[in-house]
């Protein structure tokens, strides 16, 4: 697997596989990534399983529309 959850920091950008920035990391939870929506500023939960890799940003394996359709709102 190409990710290390320990390297995820608050305020890192979260980018979908289609290149769209959907938000910033608020927190890393047990099974989810809590992020602040780039458009609305609301917080959502995205499964950690969606993470493809972590470098200077958190990169997801899903498109923006897939992420928005499946995330859970806080």
C-alpha atoms as a PDB file:
ATOM      1  CA  UNK A   1       0.000   0.000   0.000  1.00  0.00           C
ATOM      2  CA  UNK A   2       1.328   3.439  -0.916  1.00  0.00           C
ATOM      3  CA  UNK A   3       0.201   5.400   2.093  1.00  0.00           C
ATOM      4  CA  UNK A   4       1.235   6.020   5.647  1.00  0.00           C
ATOM      5  CA  UNK A   5      -1.556   7.446   7.795  1.00  0.00           C
ATOM      6  CA  UNK A   6       1.070   8.710  10.265  1.00  0.00           C
ATOM      7  CA  UNK A   7       2.286  11.169   7.623  1.00  0.00           C
ATOM      8  CA  UNK A   8      -1.108  12.841   7.256  1.00  0.00           C
ATOM      9  CA  UNK A   9      -1.182  16.237   8.954  1.00  0.00           C
ATOM     10  CA  UNK A  10      -3.969  18.686   9.677  1.00  0.00           C
ATOM     11  CA  UNK A  11      -4.532  21.243   6.919  1.00  0.00           C
ATOM     12  CA  UNK A  12      -3.040  19.057   4.159  1.00  0.00           C
ATOM     13  CA  UNK A  13      -4.924  19.369   0.882  1.00  0.00           C
ATOM     14  CA  UNK A  14      -7.014  16.370  -0.192  1.00  0.00           C
ATOM     15  CA  UNK A  15      -7.018  15.763  -3.950  1.00  0.00           C
ATOM     16  CA  UNK A  16      -9.136  13.299  -5.914  1.00  0.00           C
ATOM     17  CA  UNK A  17      -7.866  11.042  -8.697  1.00  0.00           C
ATOM     18  CA  UNK A  18      -9.310  13.495 -11.255  1.00  0.00           C
ATOM     19  CA  UNK A  19      -7.107  16.284  -9.844  1.00  0.00           C
ATOM     20  CA  UNK A  20      -9.861  18.168  -8.005  1.00  0.00           C
ATOM     21  CA  UNK A  21      -8.995  19.510  -4.540  1.00  0.00           C
ATOM     22  CA  UNK A  22     -12.002  18.645  -2.371  1.00  0.00           C
ATOM     23  CA  UNK A  23     -10.800  19.981   0.947  1.00  0.00           C
ATOM     24  CA  UNK A  24      -8.249  19.970   3.743  1.00  0.00           C
ATOM     25  CA  UNK A  25      -7.579  17.454   6.475  1.00  0.00           C
ATOM     26  CA  UNK A  26      -9.226  18.297   9.796  1.00  0.00           C
ATOM     27  CA  UNK A  27      -8.268  15.030  11.561  1.00  0.00           C
ATOM     28  CA  UNK A  28      -7.353  11.392  11.037  1.00  0.00           C
ATOM     29  CA  UNK A  29      -9.778   9.096  12.833  1.00  0.00           C
ATOM     30  CA  UNK A  30      -9.705   5.322  13.296  1.00  0.00           C
ATOM     31  CA  UNK A  31     -11.278   4.428   9.947  1.00  0.00           C
ATOM     32  CA  UNK A  32     -11.944   7.815   8.366  1.00  0.00           C
ATOM     33  CA  UNK A  33     -10.344  11.021   7.251  1.00  0.00           C
ATOM     34  CA  UNK A  34     -12.204  14.064   8.538  1.00  0.00           C
ATOM     35  CA  UNK A  35     -11.960  16.879   6.029  1.00  0.00           C
ATOM     36  CA  UNK A  36     -13.252  20.398   5.533  1.00  0.00           C
ATOM     37  CA  UNK A  37     -15.061  20.735   2.214  1.00  0.00           C
ATOM     38  CA  UNK A  38     -13.266  23.162  -0.123  1.00  0.00           C
ATOM     39  CA  UNK A  39     -16.565  24.534  -1.446  1.00  0.00           C
ATOM     40  CA  UNK A  40     -18.828  24.774   1.584  1.00  0.00           C
ATOM     41  CA  UNK A  41     -16.431  24.680   4.521  1.00  0.00           C
ATOM     42  CA  UNK A  42     -18.413  21.867   6.155  1.00  0.00           C
ATOM     43  CA  UNK A  43     -16.742  18.812   7.636  1.00  0.00           C
ATOM     44  CA  UNK A  44     -17.177  15.316   6.201  1.00  0.00           C
ATOM     45  CA  UNK A  45     -15.839  11.807   6.752  1.00  0.00           C
ATOM     46  CA  UNK A  46     -14.074   9.963   3.952  1.00  0.00           C
ATOM     47  CA  UNK A  47     -12.931   6.342   4.463  1.00  0.00           C
ATOM     48  CA  UNK A  48      -9.178   5.921   4.900  1.00  0.00           C
ATOM     49  CA  UNK A  49      -9.501   3.161   2.279  1.00  0.00           C
ATOM     50  CA  UNK A  50      -9.979   5.948  -0.320  1.00  0.00           C
ATOM     51  CA  UNK A  51      -6.401   7.173   0.197  1.00  0.00           C
ATOM     52  CA  UNK A  52      -4.034   6.210  -2.613  1.00  0.00           C
ATOM     53  CA  UNK A  53      -0.927   8.001  -1.379  1.00  0.00           C
ATOM     54  CA  UNK A  54       0.383  10.752   0.853  1.00  0.00           C
ATOM     55  CA  UNK A  55       3.136  13.155  -0.163  1.00  0.00           C
ATOM     56  CA  UNK A  56       2.699  16.915   0.052  1.00  0.00           C
ATOM     57  CA  UNK A  57      -1.060  16.260  -0.320  1.00  0.00           C
ATOM     58  CA  UNK A  58      -3.431  13.382   0.435  1.00  0.00           C
ATOM     59  CA  UNK A  59      -4.319  11.699  -2.864  1.00  0.00           C
ATOM     60  CA  UNK A  60      -7.522   9.688  -3.185  1.00  0.00           C
ATOM     61  CA  UNK A  61      -8.398   6.777  -5.505  1.00  0.00           C
ATOM     62  CA  UNK A  62     -11.889   8.162  -6.191  1.00  0.00           C
ATOM     63  CA  UNK A  63     -13.124  11.033  -8.326  1.00  0.00           C
ATOM     64  CA  UNK A  64     -14.602  14.189  -6.843  1.00  0.00           C
ATOM     65  CA  UNK A  65     -18.145  13.045  -7.620  1.00  0.00           C
ATOM     66  CA  UNK A  66     -17.534   9.613  -6.043  1.00  0.00           C
ATOM     67  CA  UNK A  67     -16.078  11.217  -2.905  1.00  0.00           C
ATOM     68  CA  UNK A  68     -18.960  13.673  -2.553  1.00  0.00           C
ATOM     69  CA  UNK A  69     -21.555  10.958  -3.183  1.00  0.00           C
ATOM     70  CA  UNK A  70     -20.153   8.656  -0.489  1.00  0.00           C
ATOM     71  CA  UNK A  71     -18.825  10.955   2.233  1.00  0.00           C
ATOM     72  CA  UNK A  72     -20.682  11.279   5.502  1.00  0.00           C
ATOM     73  CA  UNK A  73     -21.435  14.741   6.770  1.00  0.00           C
ATOM     74  CA  UNK A  74     -20.639  15.726  10.351  1.00  0.00           C
END
